[in-house]
Amino acid sequence: MASVIAFPAPPFSSGSARPPQTTFDRAELSAIMNLYGRMVAAGLWRDYAIDMHADAAVFSAFRRASERPETEVWKRPSLRAKQGMWALVGEGGAVMKRGGELRGVLAPLERRLVKVADG
């Protein structure tokens, strides 16, 4: 006869609050997805992923789904008072831009998009 094996309970019980999670709010996600849509229309990006962890939220954009992300937009609220909570990270992992405002951090991508449209 088969026996039932109980899985261990998650670290939080049904009565307690979920562990903290960093997320993008509606305005932030709207700005990022607006840029993403224009990059897709220009033929530069084809896929994206969103990761949300306790200390950071990450939007990753890919040229192809099987590659490493070409660009990542990081939101780390713990760095708000130091370097700014936003970071734009390139394909090699180098930080291209940091700042406290999302629009300023996305500016290099906006300029790249303008160059593609002009050329």
Protein backbone atom coordinates (compact mmCIF):
# COMPACT_ATOMS: atom_id res chain seq x y z
CA MET A 1 0.00 0.00 0.00
CA ALA A 2 1.21 3.53 -0.79
CA SER A 3 2.12 5.90 1.97
CA VAL A 4 1.60 9.65 1.98
CA ILE A 5 4.69 11.76 2.55
CA ALA A 6 4.12 15.32 3.72
CA PHE A 7 6.24 18.05 2.15
CA PRO A 8 7.92 20.43 4.57
CA ALA A 9 6.03 23.65 5.20
CA PRO A 10 7.29 26.82 3.52
CA PRO A 11 9.38 29.15 5.71
CA PHE A 12 6.32 31.33 6.27
CA SER A 13 3.08 29.93 7.62
CA SER A 14 -0.35 30.77 6.28
CA GLY A 15 -0.93 33.15 9.19
CA SER A 16 2.30 35.11 8.82
CA ALA A 17 3.30 37.64 6.21
CA ARG A 18 5.20 36.61 3.09
CA PRO A 19 8.90 37.38 2.99
CA PRO A 20 9.72 40.84 1.62
CA GLN A 21 10.06 41.16 -2.14
CA THR A 22 11.32 44.04 -4.27
CA THR A 23 9.03 44.79 -7.21
CA PHE A 24 8.57 47.33 -9.97
CA ASP A 25 5.59 49.62 -9.47
CA ARG A 26 3.17 50.36 -12.30
CA ALA A 27 4.87 53.57 -13.48
CA GLU A 28 8.34 52.00 -13.46
CA LEU A 29 7.19 48.92 -15.34
CA SER A 30 5.30 51.09 -17.81
CA ALA A 31 8.45 53.12 -18.60
CA ILE A 32 10.54 49.96 -19.00
CA MET A 33 7.95 48.18 -21.16
CA ASN A 34 7.51 51.30 -23.32
CA LEU A 35 11.24 51.24 -24.09
CA TYR A 36 11.14 47.46 -24.58
CA GLY A 37 8.33 47.75 -27.14
CA ARG A 38 10.24 50.35 -29.14
CA MET A 39 13.42 48.23 -29.04
CA VAL A 40 11.43 45.22 -30.30
CA ALA A 41 9.96 47.36 -33.10
CA ALA A 42 13.51 48.41 -34.05
CA GLY A 43 14.55 44.72 -34.18
CA LEU A 44 17.07 44.97 -31.32
CA TRP A 45 15.35 42.91 -28.64
CA ARG A 46 13.14 39.84 -28.87
CA ASP A 47 12.51 38.57 -25.35
CA TYR A 48 12.55 39.69 -21.73
CA ALA A 49 12.48 38.32 -18.20
CA ILE A 50 11.57 39.84 -14.86
CA ASP A 51 13.12 38.54 -11.63
CA MET A 52 11.99 39.73 -8.21
CA HIS A 53 14.05 38.92 -5.14
CA ALA A 54 14.11 40.16 -1.56
CA ASP A 55 16.81 42.76 -2.24
CA ALA A 56 16.42 43.53 -5.97
CA ALA A 57 14.11 43.47 -8.97
CA VAL A 58 15.66 42.88 -12.40
CA PHE A 59 14.32 43.42 -15.92
CA SER A 60 16.47 41.55 -18.47
CA ALA A 61 16.22 42.10 -22.24
CA PHE A 62 17.48 39.53 -24.74
CA ARG A 63 18.35 39.59 -28.44
CA ARG A 64 17.47 35.90 -28.52
CA ALA A 65 15.92 33.78 -25.81
CA SER A 66 18.88 31.38 -25.69
CA GLU A 67 21.50 34.04 -24.93
CA ARG A 68 22.61 35.98 -21.90
CA PRO A 69 20.69 39.22 -21.43
CA GLU A 70 21.95 42.09 -23.55
CA THR A 71 20.78 44.63 -20.99
CA GLU A 72 19.52 44.47 -17.42
CA VAL A 73 17.76 47.17 -15.42
CA TRP A 74 18.29 46.65 -11.68
CA LYS A 75 16.23 48.19 -8.90
CA ARG A 76 17.92 47.94 -5.49
CA PRO A 77 16.16 50.09 -2.88
CA SER A 78 18.94 49.46 -0.34
CA LEU A 79 21.31 51.58 -2.51
CA ARG A 80 18.89 54.53 -2.70
CA ALA A 81 20.94 56.75 -0.37
CA LYS A 82 24.36 55.67 -1.69
CA GLN A 83 24.62 55.24 -5.48
CA GLY A 84 20.97 55.43 -6.45
CA MET A 85 18.65 52.47 -6.56
CA TRP A 86 18.69 52.08 -10.38
CA ALA A 87 21.46 50.50 -12.44
CA LEU A 88 21.79 49.70 -16.14
CA VAL A 89 23.99 46.65 -16.65
CA GLY A 90 25.45 45.61 -20.00
CA GLU A 91 25.90 42.16 -21.49
CA GLY A 92 29.31 41.60 -19.93
CA GLY A 93 28.05 42.52 -16.46
CA ALA A 94 29.56 46.02 -16.48
CA VAL A 95 27.45 48.77 -14.95
CA MET A 96 26.75 51.27 -17.74
CA LYS A 97 24.81 53.81 -15.66
CA ARG A 98 23.63 54.29 -12.06
CA GLY A 99 21.22 56.77 -10.64
CA GLY A 100 18.28 57.66 -8.49
CA GLU A 101 15.89 58.27 -11.41
CA LEU A 102 14.76 55.55 -13.81
CA ARG A 103 14.51 57.90 -16.81
CA GLY A 104 18.13 58.99 -16.39
CA VAL A 105 19.33 55.39 -16.18
CA LEU A 106 17.39 54.44 -19.33
CA ALA A 107 18.80 57.44 -21.26
CA PRO A 108 21.70 55.52 -22.91
CA LEU A 109 19.19 53.04 -24.35
CA GLU A 110 16.99 55.90 -25.55
CA ARG A 111 19.99 57.45 -27.34
CA ARG A 112 20.82 54.09 -28.93
CA LEU A 113 17.25 53.82 -30.14
CA VAL A 114 17.40 57.30 -31.69
CA LYS A 115 20.62 56.38 -33.52
CA VAL A 116 19.03 53.22 -34.93
CA ALA A 117 16.00 55.18 -36.13
CA ASP A 118 18.13 57.92 -37.73
CA GLY A 119 20.64 55.63 -39.41
